[in-house]
Amino acid sequence: MSEKDSELHHECVNRFIALANAMKDEKIDINIVNAGLMTAAGLYATYVAGGNDGGLTESGVDKVSEVFCNELKRIQVIKKEAAAR
C-alpha cells in the first residue's frame, strides 16, 4: 500500500470509528453498533467483489472471510504490542 493509500485508509478507519462512537453516544447499544458495522462491511465487501447485482460464491465468501480474519489478526498484534509498552 502506498503512503498516500495508507493515509487514506487511516482516515477512513477514523471516520468509521467516529460514526460508531456517535451512535454509541446516542445510546445505541455497542453490540448493535458493532453488528451494524459488520453487516455494512459485509455488504460493501460483496459489492466490491461481486458488483452491485451479484453475490459471492462460496469461494468468494471464503476469500472475503480470509481477508477479514487476517486484518483482525494484524490488529490484535498491534494492540498487544501497544499494551506491552
N, C-alpha and C. Protein backbone atom coordinates (compact mmCIF):
# COMPACT_ATOMS: atom_id res chain seq x y z
N MET A 1 0.86 -1.17 0.00
CA MET A 1 0.00 0.00 0.00
C MET A 1 0.91 1.23 0.00
N SER A 2 0.60 2.16 -0.87
CA SER A 2 1.40 3.38 -0.93
C SER A 2 1.18 4.22 0.33
N GLU A 3 2.07 5.17 0.55
CA GLU A 3 1.94 6.03 1.73
C GLU A 3 0.63 6.82 1.66
N LYS A 4 0.28 7.30 0.47
CA LYS A 4 -0.98 8.05 0.31
C LYS A 4 -2.18 7.15 0.61
N ASP A 5 -2.15 5.93 0.08
CA ASP A 5 -3.25 5.00 0.35
C ASP A 5 -3.33 4.65 1.83
N SER A 6 -2.16 4.50 2.46
CA SER A 6 -2.13 4.20 3.88
C SER A 6 -2.76 5.34 4.69
N GLU A 7 -2.46 6.56 4.31
CA GLU A 7 -3.06 7.72 4.99
C GLU A 7 -4.57 7.76 4.77
N LEU A 8 -5.01 7.48 3.56
CA LEU A 8 -6.46 7.45 3.27
C LEU A 8 -7.14 6.33 4.05
N HIS A 9 -6.48 5.19 4.14
CA HIS A 9 -7.01 4.06 4.90
C HIS A 9 -7.20 4.46 6.36
N HIS A 10 -6.17 5.08 6.93
CA HIS A 10 -6.23 5.52 8.33
C HIS A 10 -7.36 6.53 8.52
N GLU A 11 -7.52 7.45 7.59
CA GLU A 11 -8.60 8.43 7.67
C GLU A 11 -9.97 7.76 7.62
N CYS A 12 -10.12 6.78 6.72
CA CYS A 12 -11.40 6.05 6.64
C CYS A 12 -11.70 5.33 7.94
N VAL A 13 -10.70 4.65 8.49
CA VAL A 13 -10.88 3.94 9.76
C VAL A 13 -11.34 4.90 10.84
N ASN A 14 -10.67 6.04 10.94
CA ASN A 14 -11.04 7.02 11.96
C ASN A 14 -12.45 7.55 11.76
N ARG A 15 -12.87 7.73 10.52
CA ARG A 15 -14.24 8.21 10.26
C ARG A 15 -15.27 7.17 10.65
N PHE A 16 -15.00 5.89 10.36
CA PHE A 16 -15.93 4.83 10.76
C PHE A 16 -16.02 4.74 12.28
N ILE A 17 -14.88 4.83 12.95
CA ILE A 17 -14.89 4.78 14.42
C ILE A 17 -15.63 5.98 15.00
N ALA A 18 -15.42 7.16 14.41
CA ALA A 18 -16.13 8.35 14.89
C ALA A 18 -17.64 8.17 14.73
N LEU A 19 -18.07 7.60 13.61
CA LEU A 19 -19.50 7.36 13.39
C LEU A 19 -20.03 6.35 14.41
N ALA A 20 -19.27 5.28 14.64
CA ALA A 20 -19.69 4.28 15.63
C ALA A 20 -19.79 4.90 17.01
N ASN A 21 -18.82 5.73 17.37
CA ASN A 21 -18.86 6.40 18.67
C ASN A 21 -20.03 7.37 18.77
N ALA A 22 -20.36 8.04 17.67
CA ALA A 22 -21.52 8.94 17.68
C ALA A 22 -22.80 8.14 17.93
N MET A 23 -22.91 6.96 17.32
CA MET A 23 -24.08 6.11 17.56
C MET A 23 -24.14 5.66 19.01
N LYS A 24 -22.98 5.27 19.55
CA LYS A 24 -22.89 4.87 20.97
C LYS A 24 -23.34 6.02 21.86
N ASP A 25 -22.89 7.23 21.51
CA ASP A 25 -23.26 8.41 22.30
C ASP A 25 -24.75 8.72 22.20
N GLU A 26 -25.40 8.20 21.15
CA GLU A 26 -26.86 8.32 21.01
C GLU A 26 -27.58 7.23 21.79
N LYS A 27 -26.82 6.51 22.60
CA LYS A 27 -27.33 5.45 23.48
C LYS A 27 -27.74 4.20 22.72
N ILE A 28 -27.17 3.99 21.53
CA ILE A 28 -27.37 2.72 20.83
C ILE A 28 -26.36 1.74 21.41
N ASP A 29 -26.86 0.57 21.80
CA ASP A 29 -26.01 -0.45 22.39
C ASP A 29 -24.81 -0.75 21.48
N ILE A 30 -23.61 -0.84 22.07
CA ILE A 30 -22.41 -1.05 21.27
C ILE A 30 -22.44 -2.37 20.51
N ASN A 31 -23.15 -3.36 21.02
CA ASN A 31 -23.28 -4.63 20.29
C ASN A 31 -24.10 -4.45 19.01
N ILE A 32 -25.10 -3.59 19.07
CA ILE A 32 -25.91 -3.30 17.87
C ILE A 32 -25.09 -2.47 16.89
N VAL A 33 -24.34 -1.50 17.40
CA VAL A 33 -23.47 -0.69 16.52
C VAL A 33 -22.47 -1.61 15.83
N ASN A 34 -21.84 -2.49 16.60
CA ASN A 34 -20.87 -3.43 16.04
C ASN A 34 -21.50 -4.32 14.97
N ALA A 35 -22.67 -4.86 15.26
CA ALA A 35 -23.35 -5.72 14.29
C ALA A 35 -23.68 -4.94 13.02
N GLY A 36 -24.09 -3.69 13.18
CA GLY A 36 -24.38 -2.86 12.02
C GLY A 36 -23.15 -2.60 11.18
N LEU A 37 -22.03 -2.31 11.84
CA LEU A 37 -20.77 -2.10 11.11
C LEU A 37 -20.35 -3.37 10.37
N MET A 38 -20.49 -4.51 11.03
CA MET A 38 -20.12 -5.77 10.40
C MET A 38 -21.00 -6.08 9.20
N THR A 39 -22.29 -5.82 9.33
CA THR A 39 -23.20 -6.04 8.21
C THR A 39 -22.87 -5.11 7.06
N ALA A 40 -22.63 -3.85 7.38
CA ALA A 40 -22.27 -2.87 6.36
C ALA A 40 -20.98 -3.29 5.66
N ALA A 41 -19.99 -3.74 6.42
CA ALA A 41 -18.73 -4.19 5.84
C ALA A 41 -18.95 -5.39 4.93
N GLY A 42 -19.79 -6.32 5.36
CA GLY A 42 -20.10 -7.48 4.53
C GLY A 42 -20.82 -7.11 3.25
N LEU A 43 -21.77 -6.20 3.36
CA LEU A 43 -22.49 -5.73 2.17
C LEU A 43 -21.55 -5.03 1.20
N TYR A 44 -20.68 -4.19 1.74
CA TYR A 44 -19.76 -3.44 0.88
C TYR A 44 -18.72 -4.37 0.27
N ALA A 45 -18.22 -5.33 1.04
CA ALA A 45 -17.26 -6.29 0.50
C ALA A 45 -17.90 -7.11 -0.62
N THR A 46 -19.18 -7.47 -0.45
CA THR A 46 -19.89 -8.19 -1.50
C THR A 46 -20.00 -7.33 -2.75
N TYR A 47 -20.30 -6.05 -2.59
CA TYR A 47 -20.37 -5.11 -3.71
C TYR A 47 -19.02 -5.01 -4.42
N VAL A 48 -17.95 -4.87 -3.64
CA VAL A 48 -16.61 -4.71 -4.23
C VAL A 48 -16.22 -5.96 -5.01
N ALA A 49 -16.49 -7.13 -4.42
CA ALA A 49 -16.08 -8.38 -5.05
C ALA A 49 -17.04 -8.86 -6.14
N GLY A 50 -18.33 -8.59 -5.97
CA GLY A 50 -19.32 -9.16 -6.87
C GLY A 50 -20.12 -8.17 -7.68
N GLY A 51 -19.91 -6.90 -7.46
CA GLY A 51 -20.70 -5.91 -8.18
C GLY A 51 -22.01 -5.63 -7.47
N ASN A 52 -22.75 -4.71 -8.03
CA ASN A 52 -23.99 -4.27 -7.40
C ASN A 52 -25.12 -5.28 -7.56
N ASP A 53 -25.06 -6.09 -8.59
CA ASP A 53 -26.17 -7.01 -8.87
C ASP A 53 -25.89 -8.44 -8.45
N GLY A 54 -24.62 -8.75 -8.14
CA GLY A 54 -24.28 -10.12 -7.85
C GLY A 54 -24.02 -10.37 -6.38
N GLY A 55 -23.87 -11.62 -6.09
CA GLY A 55 -23.49 -12.04 -4.75
C GLY A 55 -22.20 -12.82 -4.86
N LEU A 56 -21.72 -13.29 -3.74
CA LEU A 56 -20.47 -14.03 -3.71
C LEU A 56 -20.74 -15.53 -3.81
N THR A 57 -19.85 -16.22 -4.51
CA THR A 57 -19.87 -17.67 -4.49
C THR A 57 -19.31 -18.12 -3.14
N GLU A 58 -19.37 -19.40 -2.89
CA GLU A 58 -18.80 -19.91 -1.63
C GLU A 58 -17.32 -19.58 -1.55
N SER A 59 -16.60 -19.69 -2.66
CA SER A 59 -15.17 -19.36 -2.63
C SER A 59 -14.96 -17.87 -2.42
N GLY A 60 -15.88 -17.05 -2.92
CA GLY A 60 -15.80 -15.60 -2.69
C GLY A 60 -16.01 -15.26 -1.23
N VAL A 61 -16.95 -15.94 -0.60
CA VAL A 61 -17.19 -15.74 0.84
C VAL A 61 -15.94 -16.14 1.61
N ASP A 62 -15.32 -17.26 1.21
CA ASP A 62 -14.10 -17.70 1.88
C ASP A 62 -12.98 -16.68 1.72
N LYS A 63 -12.84 -16.10 0.53
CA LYS A 63 -11.78 -15.12 0.29
C LYS A 63 -12.00 -13.86 1.12
N VAL A 64 -13.24 -13.36 1.16
CA VAL A 64 -13.54 -12.16 1.96
C VAL A 64 -13.34 -12.47 3.43
N SER A 65 -13.76 -13.65 3.88
CA SER A 65 -13.58 -14.04 5.28
C SER A 65 -12.11 -14.11 5.64
N GLU A 66 -11.29 -14.62 4.74
CA GLU A 66 -9.85 -14.73 5.00
C GLU A 66 -9.22 -13.34 5.13
N VAL A 67 -9.61 -12.41 4.26
CA VAL A 67 -9.09 -11.04 4.34
C VAL A 67 -9.48 -10.42 5.68
N PHE A 68 -10.74 -10.58 6.09
CA PHE A 68 -11.20 -10.03 7.37
C PHE A 68 -10.45 -10.68 8.53
N CYS A 69 -10.28 -11.98 8.48
CA CYS A 69 -9.58 -12.71 9.54
C CYS A 69 -8.13 -12.22 9.65
N ASN A 70 -7.46 -12.07 8.51
CA ASN A 70 -6.07 -11.60 8.52
C ASN A 70 -5.96 -10.20 9.10
N GLU A 71 -6.91 -9.33 8.77
CA GLU A 71 -6.89 -7.97 9.30
C GLU A 71 -7.12 -7.98 10.81
N LEU A 72 -8.03 -8.82 11.26
CA LEU A 72 -8.30 -8.93 12.69
C LEU A 72 -7.06 -9.43 13.44
N LYS A 73 -6.36 -10.40 12.87
CA LYS A 73 -5.12 -10.89 13.48
C LYS A 73 -4.06 -9.78 13.52
N ARG A 74 -3.94 -9.01 12.45
CA ARG A 74 -2.97 -7.91 12.40
C ARG A 74 -3.28 -6.88 13.49
N ILE A 75 -4.55 -6.56 13.66
CA ILE A 75 -4.96 -5.59 14.68
C ILE A 75 -4.61 -6.10 16.07
N GLN A 76 -4.80 -7.39 16.31
CA GLN A 76 -4.52 -7.95 17.63
C GLN A 76 -3.03 -7.88 17.95
N VAL A 77 -2.18 -8.11 16.96
CA VAL A 77 -0.74 -7.99 17.17
C VAL A 77 -0.39 -6.56 17.56
N ILE A 78 -0.96 -5.59 16.85
CA ILE A 78 -0.70 -4.18 17.13
C ILE A 78 -1.16 -3.82 18.53
N LYS A 79 -2.35 -4.28 18.92
CA LYS A 79 -2.91 -3.95 20.24
C LYS A 79 -2.06 -4.59 21.35
N LYS A 80 -1.61 -5.83 21.15
CA LYS A 80 -0.78 -6.50 22.16
C LYS A 80 0.57 -5.80 22.30
N GLU A 81 1.15 -5.38 21.18
CA GLU A 81 2.42 -4.64 21.24
C GLU A 81 2.24 -3.32 21.98
N ALA A 82 1.13 -2.63 21.72
CA ALA A 82 0.87 -1.36 22.39
C ALA A 82 0.66 -1.58 23.89
N ALA A 83 -0.02 -2.63 24.26
CA ALA A 83 -0.29 -2.93 25.68
C ALA A 83 1.00 -3.30 26.42
N ALA A 84 1.94 -3.87 25.71
CA ALA A 84 3.19 -4.28 26.33
C ALA A 84 4.12 -3.10 26.60
N ARG A 85 3.87 -1.98 25.92
CA ARG A 85 4.72 -0.79 26.13
C ARG A 85 4.39 -0.08 27.39
